[in-house]
Protein backbone atom coordinates (compact mmCIF):
# COMPACT_ATOMS: atom_id res chain seq x y z
CA MET A 1 92.31 130.63 114.30
CA PRO A 2 94.82 130.66 116.88
CA ARG A 3 97.81 132.72 115.90
CA LEU A 4 101.21 131.52 115.13
CA ALA A 5 104.47 130.83 116.84
CA VAL A 6 107.48 131.64 114.85
CA GLY A 7 111.03 130.60 115.89
CA LEU A 8 113.47 133.44 114.82
CA ALA A 9 116.51 131.30 114.42
CA CYS A 10 119.82 133.71 114.31
CA ALA A 11 122.75 134.69 116.19
CA GLU A 12 122.47 137.18 118.97
CA GLY A 13 121.77 140.77 117.87
CA GLU A 14 121.16 139.57 114.15
CA TRP A 15 117.55 139.72 113.80
CA PRO A 16 116.72 142.90 111.69
CA HIS A 17 113.19 143.41 112.94
CA GLU A 18 112.72 144.14 116.69
CA ASP A 19 109.73 145.61 116.33
CA TRP A 20 108.17 142.17 114.65
CA PRO A 21 105.73 140.66 115.08
CA ASP A 22 103.13 143.54 115.61
CA PRO A 23 100.70 143.06 118.74
CA ASP A 24 97.86 143.44 116.21
CA ASP A 25 99.51 140.85 113.38
CA PRO A 26 96.60 138.89 112.34
CA HIS A 27 98.68 135.79 111.55
CA VAL A 28 101.56 135.94 114.10
CA GLY A 29 100.93 135.73 117.97
CA ARG A 30 104.73 135.54 119.33
CA ALA A 31 108.17 135.24 118.10
CA LEU A 32 110.56 132.78 120.09
CA HIS A 33 114.20 134.04 119.48
CA VAL A 34 116.71 130.96 119.15
CA THR A 35 120.45 131.12 118.97
CA PRO A 36 122.47 128.55 117.72
CA PRO A 37 122.62 125.68 118.03
CA TYR A 38 118.69 125.85 118.03
CA ARG A 39 118.43 123.16 120.64
CA GLU A 40 114.89 124.52 121.88
CA LEU A 41 113.55 123.65 118.21
CA ARG A 42 113.78 120.16 119.11
CA GLU A 43 110.75 120.56 121.27
CA GLU A 44 107.84 119.21 119.41
CA GLY A 45 104.83 122.25 118.89
CA ALA A 46 107.38 124.72 120.24
CA VAL A 47 106.94 126.65 117.03
CA ASP A 48 104.73 126.72 113.68
CA VAL A 49 107.38 127.84 111.53
CA VAL A 50 111.04 128.63 111.70
CA VAL A 51 112.47 131.92 110.03
CA LEU A 52 116.17 131.57 109.62
CA ARG A 53 118.18 134.68 109.31
CA CYS A 54 121.53 134.30 108.15
CA GLU A 55 124.56 135.48 106.06
CA GLU A 56 125.44 132.15 104.40
CA PRO A 57 122.36 130.01 103.58
CA ALA A 58 124.15 127.28 101.88
CA THR A 59 125.88 126.33 105.18
CA GLU A 60 123.43 127.77 107.79
CA PHE A 61 120.44 126.22 106.38
CA PRO A 62 121.51 122.60 106.76
CA VAL A 63 123.08 123.12 110.11
CA LEU A 64 119.13 124.36 111.04
CA LEU A 65 117.34 121.34 109.60
CA ARG A 66 119.79 118.95 111.42
CA ALA A 67 119.30 120.85 114.83
CA MET A 68 115.54 120.33 114.18
CA GLY A 69 115.94 116.58 113.99
CA ALA A 70 112.58 114.77 113.75
CA VAL A 71 110.69 118.05 114.27
CA SER A 72 109.13 119.05 110.70
CA VAL A 73 107.96 122.70 110.32
CA PRO A 74 108.09 125.13 107.51
CA VAL A 75 111.22 127.09 107.09
CA ILE A 76 111.77 130.58 105.56
CA VAL A 77 115.38 132.05 105.03
CA VAL A 78 116.06 135.64 105.15
CA SER A 79 119.52 136.44 104.00
CA PRO A 80 121.43 139.10 101.91
CA ARG A 81 122.85 136.50 99.52
CA ARG A 82 120.81 136.82 96.15
CA ASP A 83 122.79 134.75 93.72
CA THR A 84 121.19 132.43 91.98
CA ALA A 85 122.73 129.21 93.09
CA THR A 86 121.93 130.01 96.88
CA VAL A 87 118.47 130.59 96.02
CA VAL A 88 117.93 127.62 93.99
CA GLU A 89 119.50 125.37 96.97
CA VAL A 90 117.10 126.81 99.66
CA PHE A 91 114.02 126.48 97.20
CA ARG A 92 114.93 122.91 96.46
CA GLY A 93 115.25 122.21 100.27
CA GLY A 94 111.60 123.16 100.70
CA ALA A 95 112.13 126.63 102.17
CA GLY A 96 110.97 130.08 101.36
CA TYR A 97 113.42 132.77 100.49
CA LEU A 98 113.24 136.41 101.33
CA VAL A 99 115.90 138.55 100.07
CA GLU A 100 117.14 141.37 102.69
CA GLY A 101 115.85 144.71 101.53
CA ASP A 102 113.65 142.99 99.00
CA TYR A 103 110.52 142.40 101.59
CA CYS A 104 108.53 144.50 104.25
CA SER A 105 107.70 143.18 107.71
CA CYS A 106 104.21 142.55 106.23
CA MET A 107 105.37 140.30 103.32
CA LEU A 108 107.36 138.30 106.20
CA ALA A 109 104.09 137.64 107.94
CA SER A 110 102.28 136.76 104.74
CA ALA A 111 105.31 134.25 104.23
CA VAL A 112 104.84 132.55 107.88
CA ALA A 113 101.16 132.26 107.16
CA ALA A 114 101.62 130.95 103.50
CA ALA A 115 104.27 128.38 104.88
CA THR A 116 101.76 126.65 107.00
CA VAL A 117 99.34 125.88 104.45
CA GLY A 118 102.51 124.25 102.08
CA HIS A 119 103.17 127.45 100.17
CA THR A 120 107.06 128.41 99.59
CA TYR A 121 107.24 132.08 99.43
CA LEU A 122 109.64 134.08 97.67
CA SER A 123 110.54 137.72 97.67
CA PRO A 124 110.68 139.30 94.02
CA ILE A 125 114.61 138.87 93.70
CA ALA A 126 114.59 135.35 94.81
CA CYS A 127 111.84 134.75 92.24
CA ALA A 128 113.95 136.24 89.62
CA ALA A 129 116.69 134.21 90.67
CA LEU A 130 114.95 130.79 90.14
CA ARG A 131 113.74 132.16 86.88
CA GLU A 132 117.02 132.64 85.58
CA ALA A 133 118.20 129.05 86.90
CA ALA A 134 115.73 127.65 84.72
CA ALA A 135 116.70 129.67 81.54
CA GLN A 136 120.23 128.88 82.20
CA GLN A 137 119.37 125.48 82.37
CA ALA A 138 117.44 125.39 79.43
CA SER A 139 120.14 127.20 77.37
CA GLY A 140 122.79 124.70 78.52
CA GLU A 141 120.83 121.87 77.29
CA GLY A 142 122.08 122.41 73.47
CA ALA A 143 119.60 122.72 70.66
CA GLY A 144 118.19 119.31 70.50
CA ASN A 145 117.76 118.85 74.31
CA ALA A 146 116.51 122.30 74.47
CA SER A 147 113.74 121.35 71.68
CA GLY A 148 112.57 118.33 73.54
CA ALA A 149 112.65 120.12 76.77
CA ALA A 150 110.47 122.94 75.26
CA SER A 151 108.34 120.43 73.88
CA ALA A 152 107.98 118.52 77.13
CA MET A 153 107.18 122.17 78.88
CA GLU A 154 104.27 122.75 76.16
CA ARG A 155 102.62 119.57 77.14
CA LEU A 156 103.21 120.53 80.78
CA ARG A 157 101.24 123.45 80.09
CA ASN A 158 98.35 122.05 77.95
CA LEU A 159 97.65 119.89 80.94
CA LEU A 160 96.22 122.90 82.68
CA SER A 161 93.22 124.85 82.16
CA PRO A 162 93.51 128.51 81.12
CA ARG A 163 92.46 129.46 84.78
CA GLU A 164 94.90 126.85 86.12
CA ARG A 165 97.91 128.50 84.15
CA GLN A 166 96.85 131.86 85.27
CA ILE A 167 97.22 130.61 88.80
CA MET A 168 100.65 128.90 88.20
CA GLU A 169 101.86 132.24 86.39
CA LEU A 170 100.70 133.86 89.60
CA LEU A 171 102.38 131.20 91.79
CA SER A 172 105.51 131.01 90.50
CA THR A 173 106.19 134.92 91.22
CA GLY A 174 105.76 134.11 94.84
CA LEU A 175 102.46 134.95 95.75
CA GLY A 176 100.23 132.55 98.20
CA ALA A 177 96.68 131.65 97.94
CA GLN A 178 95.09 134.58 99.62
CA GLU A 179 96.83 136.86 96.91
CA ILE A 180 96.28 134.82 93.91
CA GLY A 181 92.37 135.20 94.94
CA LEU A 182 92.38 138.69 95.20
CA ARG A 183 94.48 139.18 91.88
CA LEU A 184 91.86 137.19 90.05
CA ARG A 185 88.97 137.84 92.14
CA LEU A 186 88.55 134.40 93.41
CA SER A 187 88.16 132.98 97.04
CA GLU A 188 90.87 131.76 98.63
CA LYS A 189 88.84 128.21 99.10
CA THR A 190 88.78 128.14 95.06
CA VAL A 191 92.26 128.93 94.69
CA ARG A 192 93.21 126.10 96.89
CA ASN A 193 90.93 123.74 95.38
CA ASN A 194 92.64 124.58 91.75
CA LEU A 195 96.01 124.37 93.53
CA SER A 196 95.28 120.77 94.34
CA ASN A 197 94.11 120.06 91.30
CA ILE A 198 97.57 121.31 89.52
CA TYR A 199 99.56 119.26 91.69
CA ALA A 200 97.86 116.06 90.64
CA LYS A 201 97.99 117.15 86.97
CA LEU A 202 101.59 117.97 87.41
CA ASP A 203 102.43 114.97 89.28
CA ALA A 204 103.79 117.46 92.10
CA ARG A 205 104.32 117.13 95.78
CA GLY A 206 103.34 120.43 96.82
CA SER A 207 104.03 124.33 95.30
CA THR A 208 107.71 123.97 95.37
CA ASP A 209 107.89 121.04 92.96
CA ALA A 210 105.27 122.42 91.04
CA VAL A 211 106.90 125.73 90.86
CA LEU A 212 109.94 123.91 89.46
CA ARG A 213 108.33 122.10 86.91
CA TRP A 214 106.48 124.96 85.93
CA LEU A 215 109.65 126.81 85.24
CA GLY A 216 111.42 123.99 83.72
CA ALA A 217 114.11 123.55 86.48
CA THR A 218 113.17 119.84 86.97
CA PRO A 219 111.98 117.02 84.88
CA ALA A 220 108.53 117.57 83.54
CA VAL A 221 105.84 115.14 84.58
CA ARG A 222 105.99 111.31 83.72
CA MET A 223 104.17 111.14 80.49
């Protein structure tokens, strides 16, 4: 399988990993440094994944998406920002999120590989922020609504088999199919088959939507 081409979108001198990708990286073959306004990314097939390193994702992520135009490739955001609102906004936009200081270059390579197969990768702090957002939403709904939301979440979880629930718990912590397989001693293909079934049961468009539903950060499945 050919190695991936990654677009590193950031201002000159702001990319923190000058030695990345490693020449022996099994996933990433080359990196193309792209500075604002990111016109090179408009070329179809130029890169397989874009990694946006920025200080303010709330403003710079939309700028990147507009610059990419009709070209649709996965995006991973790398930023020092770790507040819940920023992480949730980027996650809802379908991008992975790595908090600076909360990941290693190996995790970055895994996130790039996972993005190409539809997984939205989060570093541990970003995962915690997403879970906090779900908890805040539940607590702010009031006793009556919170009870109804809890009941809806219970119905949602009961749609899944015990194995599928295990997989969703791991998926919601930011792990990809390969890592989930290693944890559960399953083949990557088996995990992906389970994920396809999970998405169908949860009426989810992909991993991002499924995790939001699983954490209660978006309306549950239509019953």
